[in-house]
Structures are given as C-alpha cells and as structure tokens.
Amino acid sequence: MFKLRALPTDEALDKLVVRYPGMNRAALKAGLTLLRLGHDMTDALDAFLARYELNQGTFFCLTVMNRDPDAPCSANQLADALGVSSATMTSLLSRLESLGYIQRNIDPSDRRKLCVSLSPAGRRFLDGFLPDCYANLSGFMDAVGKGELSQLSSILERLSGATDLLRGPAL
C-alpha cells in the first residue's frame, strides 16, 4: 500500500486553486491530512501490536470477542463484525488459537457448527494488554484538548458516514 508522506505545501495548494478554480483548498488540505493521519495511526498500531505477536486482524477479533467475553460466537458473526471473508477469519482464528487466546467448541444448539470463545488465557492477556493499549490511545488523543474531544468525535462520525462520497458518482 502506498502512503502519502509529503503533504502539499500551502504554496502548492494555492497553485492548484489557480489551476482548478472549483477546488475547495481547505477541504483538500484537511482531507489529505486526515488520510495521512490514518496511515500514520495504522503504522503506529502495527508496531505496537507486533510487540504482542498480534496484527490488526487478531487484535480487532479479540476486542470484538471481549465486548461480551462470556458469549461464544460463530466465525461468521466475527467475520461480519470485522468485514472479512470466512477464509480470512479462519486464518485469524487459527493464529489466535495457536497463541492460546481462543478456543473452538461444538455449538451446543447445532452440533454441526463450531463456536468460538475467549480462553482463560485470552481473557488474562486482554486484561493485561488492553489497559496499556487504551492508555496509548488516550495519550495520543491528549494532543486534542479535553473540551475538543466530543466535537472531534462528532466530526469524525459525520465523515465516517460520508465515505461513500469518496467512491465518486455511480456509473
């Protein structure tokens, strides 16, 4: 994946506005900055997770399961929650099982199916790992004033709901 490391300077943006008169300079600058921030956050998360032998897929799988740690779920439910294929989910679950963080059991309501749950070791791991993880995220967010956090969350939620606009008009 390519990542935009060098954002355009204000001078470069000014030249673009001259070349493309309908361009919203402020929107382009904010959008490109947000795009780069997303890449930078992903890189930082990857580095943090690697210290714990996790990647984003295994991390998000564990955090989804930890929302209700006493409730087993199906691999299909997890795949839907993470937006991945069943083949990808099988791979993620195999990795988590090899780490001892999950267990697969026969579904009591349908013996043809398997259900997945956090193992006791997985719960212990998450109870030790997540406070550090969330402290890192909180420390990162300290760059925004406490009074600005709810405003930022609201803005980001609106942007999240508008991502289909990035795909452009339907053909």
C-alpha atoms as a PDB file:
ATOM      1  CA  MET A   1       0.000   0.000   0.000  1.00  0.00           C
ATOM      2  CA  PHE A   2       1.231   3.459  -0.835  1.00  0.00           C
ATOM      3  CA  LYS A   3       1.153   6.172   1.811  1.00  0.00           C
ATOM      4  CA  LEU A   4       1.181   9.896   1.330  1.00  0.00           C
ATOM      5  CA  ARG A   5       4.152  11.083   3.392  1.00  0.00           C
ATOM      6  CA  ALA A   6       4.659  14.553   1.914  1.00  0.00           C
ATOM      7  CA  LEU A   7       1.575  16.741   2.078  1.00  0.00           C
ATOM      8  CA  PRO A   8       1.355  19.606  -0.413  1.00  0.00           C
ATOM      9  CA  THR A   9       2.649  22.921   0.887  1.00  0.00           C
ATOM     10  CA  ASP A  10       0.363  25.933   1.172  1.00  0.00           C
ATOM     11  CA  GLU A  11       2.116  27.333  -1.902  1.00  0.00           C
ATOM     12  CA  ALA A  12       1.389  24.155  -3.866  1.00  0.00           C
ATOM     13  CA  LEU A  13      -2.253  24.256  -2.763  1.00  0.00           C
ATOM     14  CA  ASP A  14      -2.506  27.895  -3.870  1.00  0.00           C
ATOM     15  CA  LYS A  15      -1.245  26.911  -7.325  1.00  0.00           C
ATOM     16  CA  LEU A  16      -3.798  24.087  -7.516  1.00  0.00           C
ATOM     17  CA  VAL A  17      -6.616  26.522  -6.740  1.00  0.00           C
ATOM     18  CA  VAL A  18      -5.494  28.644  -9.683  1.00  0.00           C
ATOM     19  CA  ARG A  19      -5.351  25.607 -11.987  1.00  0.00           C
ATOM     20  CA  TYR A  20      -8.630  24.137 -10.728  1.00  0.00           C
ATOM     21  CA  PRO A  21     -10.870  27.076  -9.761  1.00  0.00           C
ATOM     22  CA  GLY A  22     -13.686  24.950  -8.314  1.00  0.00           C
ATOM     23  CA  MET A  23     -11.344  23.229  -5.846  1.00  0.00           C
ATOM     24  CA  ASN A  24     -12.005  23.740  -2.141  1.00  0.00           C
ATOM     25  CA  ARG A  25      -8.482  24.354  -0.830  1.00  0.00           C
ATOM     26  CA  ALA A  26      -9.361  23.919   2.850  1.00  0.00           C
ATOM     27  CA  ALA A  27     -11.260  20.671   2.176  1.00  0.00           C
ATOM     28  CA  LEU A  28      -8.360  19.241   0.157  1.00  0.00           C
ATOM     29  CA  LYS A  29      -5.804  20.147   2.828  1.00  0.00           C
ATOM     30  CA  ALA A  30      -7.940  18.714   5.649  1.00  0.00           C
ATOM     31  CA  GLY A  31      -8.804  15.568   3.668  1.00  0.00           C
ATOM     32  CA  LEU A  32      -5.184  14.842   2.741  1.00  0.00           C
ATOM     33  CA  THR A  33      -4.067  15.481   6.325  1.00  0.00           C
ATOM     34  CA  LEU A  34      -6.732  13.084   7.612  1.00  0.00           C
ATOM     35  CA  LEU A  35      -5.671  10.475   5.052  1.00  0.00           C
ATOM     36  CA  ARG A  36      -2.042  10.734   6.154  1.00  0.00           C
ATOM     37  CA  LEU A  37      -3.056  10.622   9.815  1.00  0.00           C
ATOM     38  CA  GLY A  38      -4.943   7.388   9.145  1.00  0.00           C
ATOM     39  CA  HIS A  39      -1.832   5.855   7.594  1.00  0.00           C
ATOM     40  CA  ASP A  40       0.373   7.068  10.433  1.00  0.00           C
ATOM     41  CA  MET A  41      -2.027   5.693  13.048  1.00  0.00           C
ATOM     42  CA  THR A  42      -2.118   2.354  11.235  1.00  0.00           C
ATOM     43  CA  ASP A  43       1.692   2.193  11.182  1.00  0.00           C
ATOM     44  CA  ALA A  44       1.890   3.042  14.895  1.00  0.00           C
ATOM     45  CA  LEU A  45      -0.788   0.473  15.774  1.00  0.00           C
ATOM     46  CA  ASP A  46       1.009  -2.198  13.736  1.00  0.00           C
ATOM     47  CA  ALA A  47       4.278  -1.508  15.596  1.00  0.00           C
ATOM     48  CA  PHE A  48       2.533  -1.614  18.986  1.00  0.00           C
ATOM     49  CA  LEU A  49       0.663  -4.843  18.213  1.00  0.00           C
ATOM     50  CA  ALA A  50       3.777  -6.579  16.861  1.00  0.00           C
ATOM     51  CA  ARG A  51       5.291  -6.416  20.362  1.00  0.00           C
ATOM     52  CA  TYR A  52       2.440  -8.680  21.476  1.00  0.00           C
ATOM     53  CA  GLU A  53       2.577 -11.019  18.451  1.00  0.00           C
ATOM     54  CA  LEU A  54      -0.675  -9.540  17.128  1.00  0.00           C
ATOM     55  CA  ASN A  55      -1.717  -7.811  13.937  1.00  0.00           C
ATOM     56  CA  GLN A  56      -4.754  -5.661  13.311  1.00  0.00           C
ATOM     57  CA  GLY A  57      -6.922  -8.632  12.377  1.00  0.00           C
ATOM     58  CA  THR A  58      -6.161 -10.641  15.502  1.00  0.00           C
ATOM     59  CA  PHE A  59      -6.405  -7.517  17.672  1.00  0.00           C
ATOM     60  CA  PHE A  60      -9.809  -6.491  16.332  1.00  0.00           C
ATOM     61  CA  CYS A  61     -11.055 -10.070  16.549  1.00  0.00           C
ATOM     62  CA  LEU A  62     -10.092 -10.233  20.234  1.00  0.00           C
ATOM     63  CA  THR A  63     -11.606  -6.845  21.020  1.00  0.00           C
ATOM     64  CA  VAL A  64     -14.903  -7.780  19.345  1.00  0.00           C
ATOM     65  CA  MET A  65     -14.999 -11.035  21.320  1.00  0.00           C
ATOM     66  CA  ASN A  66     -14.143  -9.123  24.507  1.00  0.00           C
ATOM     67  CA  ARG A  67     -17.279  -6.974  24.190  1.00  0.00           C
ATOM     68  CA  ASP A  68     -19.147  -9.901  25.710  1.00  0.00           C
ATOM     69  CA  PRO A  69     -16.420 -12.304  26.855  1.00  0.00           C
ATOM     70  CA  ASP A  70     -18.886 -14.843  28.249  1.00  0.00           C
ATOM     71  CA  ALA A  71     -20.796 -15.226  24.986  1.00  0.00           C
ATOM     72  CA  PRO A  72     -19.439 -17.672  22.419  1.00  0.00           C
ATOM     73  CA  CYS A  73     -19.950 -16.624  18.816  1.00  0.00           C
ATOM     74  CA  SER A  74     -19.656 -18.122  15.386  1.00  0.00           C
ATOM     75  CA  ALA A  75     -16.810 -17.470  12.980  1.00  0.00           C
ATOM     76  CA  ASN A  76     -19.398 -15.998  10.594  1.00  0.00           C
ATOM     77  CA  GLN A  77     -20.521 -13.481  13.212  1.00  0.00           C
ATOM     78  CA  LEU A  78     -16.915 -12.422  13.745  1.00  0.00           C
ATOM     79  CA  ALA A  79     -16.250 -12.227  10.001  1.00  0.00           C
ATOM     80  CA  ASP A  80     -19.294  -9.978   9.592  1.00  0.00           C
ATOM     81  CA  ALA A  81     -18.231  -7.775  12.514  1.00  0.00           C
ATOM     82  CA  LEU A  82     -14.746  -7.339  11.018  1.00  0.00           C
ATOM     83  CA  GLY A  83     -15.807  -7.148   7.377  1.00  0.00           C
ATOM     84  CA  VAL A  84     -13.584 -10.034   6.262  1.00  0.00           C
ATOM     85  CA  SER A  85     -14.117 -13.246   4.339  1.00  0.00           C
ATOM     86  CA  SER A  86     -14.638 -16.584   6.073  1.00  0.00           C
ATOM     87  CA  ALA A  87     -11.244 -17.720   4.777  1.00  0.00           C
ATOM     88  CA  THR A  88      -9.558 -14.711   6.380  1.00  0.00           C
ATOM     89  CA  MET A  89     -11.469 -15.311   9.608  1.00  0.00           C
ATOM     90  CA  THR A  90     -10.387 -18.952   9.668  1.00  0.00           C
ATOM     91  CA  SER A  91      -6.778 -17.807   9.395  1.00  0.00           C
ATOM     92  CA  LEU A  92      -7.204 -15.224  12.177  1.00  0.00           C
ATOM     93  CA  LEU A  93      -8.843 -17.773  14.455  1.00  0.00           C
ATOM     94  CA  SER A  94      -6.105 -20.323  13.781  1.00  0.00           C
ATOM     95  CA  ARG A  95      -3.488 -17.741  14.788  1.00  0.00           C
ATOM     96  CA  LEU A  96      -5.375 -16.818  17.959  1.00  0.00           C
ATOM     97  CA  GLU A  97      -5.860 -20.488  18.804  1.00  0.00           C
ATOM     98  CA  SER A  98      -2.123 -21.136  18.377  1.00  0.00           C
ATOM     99  CA  LEU A  99      -1.460 -18.285  20.834  1.00  0.00           C
ATOM    100  CA  GLY A 100      -3.913 -19.908  23.251  1.00  0.00           C
ATOM    101  CA  TYR A 101      -6.253 -16.881  23.306  1.00  0.00           C
ATOM    102  CA  ILE A 102      -9.377 -18.564  21.948  1.00  0.00           C
ATOM    103  CA  GLN A 103     -10.995 -21.958  21.945  1.00  0.00           C
ATOM    104  CA  ARG A 104     -13.270 -23.556  19.399  1.00  0.00           C
ATOM    105  CA  ASN A 105     -16.076 -25.757  20.670  1.00  0.00           C
ATOM    106  CA  ILE A 106     -19.081 -27.558  19.244  1.00  0.00           C
ATOM    107  CA  ASP A 107     -22.086 -25.242  19.197  1.00  0.00           C
ATOM    108  CA  PRO A 108     -24.486 -26.670  21.793  1.00  0.00           C
ATOM    109  CA  SER A 109     -27.526 -25.604  19.743  1.00  0.00           C
ATOM    110  CA  ASP A 110     -26.250 -27.160  16.499  1.00  0.00           C
ATOM    111  CA  ARG A 111     -23.583 -29.844  16.773  1.00  0.00           C
ATOM    112  CA  ARG A 112     -22.647 -29.339  13.097  1.00  0.00           C
ATOM    113  CA  LYS A 113     -21.281 -25.878  13.875  1.00  0.00           C
ATOM    114  CA  LEU A 114     -18.354 -24.572  15.868  1.00  0.00           C
ATOM    115  CA  CYS A 115     -18.469 -21.643  18.213  1.00  0.00           C
ATOM    116  CA  VAL A 116     -15.533 -19.550  19.304  1.00  0.00           C
ATOM    117  CA  SER A 117     -14.868 -18.080  22.734  1.00  0.00           C
ATOM    118  CA  LEU A 118     -12.062 -16.401  24.603  1.00  0.00           C
ATOM    119  CA  SER A 119      -9.960 -18.864  26.551  1.00  0.00           C
ATOM    120  CA  PRO A 120      -8.988 -18.123  30.165  1.00  0.00           C
ATOM    121  CA  ALA A 121      -5.504 -17.271  28.851  1.00  0.00           C
ATOM    122  CA  GLY A 122      -7.071 -14.934  26.288  1.00  0.00           C
ATOM    123  CA  ARG A 123      -9.005 -13.114  28.988  1.00  0.00           C
ATOM    124  CA  ARG A 124      -5.876 -12.773  31.142  1.00  0.00           C
ATOM    125  CA  PHE A 125      -3.944 -11.490  28.145  1.00  0.00           C
ATOM    126  CA  LEU A 126      -6.613  -8.900  27.307  1.00  0.00           C
ATOM    127  CA  ASP A 127      -6.915  -7.802  30.937  1.00  0.00           C
ATOM    128  CA  GLY A 128      -3.175  -7.078  30.952  1.00  0.00           C
ATOM    129  CA  PHE A 129      -2.866  -5.789  27.388  1.00  0.00           C
ATOM    130  CA  LEU A 130      -5.911  -3.573  26.862  1.00  0.00           C
ATOM    131  CA  PRO A 131      -5.176  -1.072  29.657  1.00  0.00           C
ATOM    132  CA  ASP A 132      -1.794  -0.342  28.002  1.00  0.00           C
ATOM    133  CA  CYS A 133      -3.389  -0.185  24.587  1.00  0.00           C
ATOM    134  CA  TYR A 134      -6.119   2.199  25.726  1.00  0.00           C
ATOM    135  CA  ALA A 135      -3.595   4.303  27.669  1.00  0.00           C
ATOM    136  CA  ASN A 136      -1.587   4.714  24.455  1.00  0.00           C
ATOM    137  CA  LEU A 137      -4.694   5.809  22.580  1.00  0.00           C
ATOM    138  CA  SER A 138      -5.637   8.215  25.365  1.00  0.00           C
ATOM    139  CA  GLY A 139      -2.112   9.643  25.367  1.00  0.00           C
ATOM    140  CA  PHE A 140      -2.331  10.169  21.617  1.00  0.00           C
ATOM    141  CA  MET A 141      -5.699  11.891  21.986  1.00  0.00           C
ATOM    142  CA  ASP A 142      -4.241  14.237  24.633  1.00  0.00           C
ATOM    143  CA  ALA A 143      -2.963  16.234  21.649  1.00  0.00           C
ATOM    144  CA  VAL A 144      -6.578  17.413  21.387  1.00  0.00           C
ATOM    145  CA  GLY A 145      -7.937  19.406  24.287  1.00  0.00           C
ATOM    146  CA  LYS A 146     -10.461  17.615  26.504  1.00  0.00           C
ATOM    147  CA  GLY A 147     -13.101  20.129  25.524  1.00  0.00           C
ATOM    148  CA  GLU A 148     -12.499  19.413  21.832  1.00  0.00           C
ATOM    149  CA  LEU A 149     -12.782  15.617  22.012  1.00  0.00           C
ATOM    150  CA  SER A 150     -16.562  15.396  21.730  1.00  0.00           C
ATOM    151  CA  GLN A 151     -16.521  17.906  18.866  1.00  0.00           C
ATOM    152  CA  LEU A 152     -13.799  15.876  17.123  1.00  0.00           C
ATOM    153  CA  SER A 153     -15.774  12.651  17.651  1.00  0.00           C
ATOM    154  CA  SER A 154     -18.862  14.252  16.148  1.00  0.00           C
ATOM    155  CA  ILE A 155     -16.910  15.494  13.122  1.00  0.00           C
ATOM    156  CA  LEU A 156     -15.260  12.107  12.585  1.00  0.00           C
ATOM    157  CA  GLU A 157     -18.624  10.313  12.831  1.00  0.00           C
ATOM    158  CA  ARG A 158     -20.062  12.599  10.147  1.00  0.00           C
ATOM    159  CA  LEU A 159     -17.047  11.980   7.929  1.00  0.00           C
ATOM    160  CA  SER A 160     -17.311   8.241   8.508  1.00  0.00           C
ATOM    161  CA  GLY A 161     -20.903   8.364   7.300  1.00  0.00           C
ATOM    162  CA  ALA A 162     -19.837  10.185   4.127  1.00  0.00           C
ATOM    163  CA  THR A 163     -17.059   7.864   2.935  1.00  0.00           C
ATOM    164  CA  ASP A 164     -19.212   6.581   0.064  1.00  0.00           C
ATOM    165  CA  LEU A 165     -18.765  10.025  -1.498  1.00  0.00           C
ATOM    166  CA  LEU A 166     -15.061   9.181  -1.959  1.00  0.00           C
ATOM    167  CA  ARG A 167     -16.068   6.483  -4.450  1.00  0.00           C
ATOM    168  CA  GLY A 168     -17.455   9.125  -6.767  1.00  0.00           C
ATOM    169  CA  PRO A 169     -20.778   9.110  -8.595  1.00  0.00           C
ATOM    170  CA  ALA A 170     -22.310   5.803  -9.606  1.00  0.00           C
ATOM    171  CA  LEU A 171     -21.793   4.936 -13.247  1.00  0.00           C
END
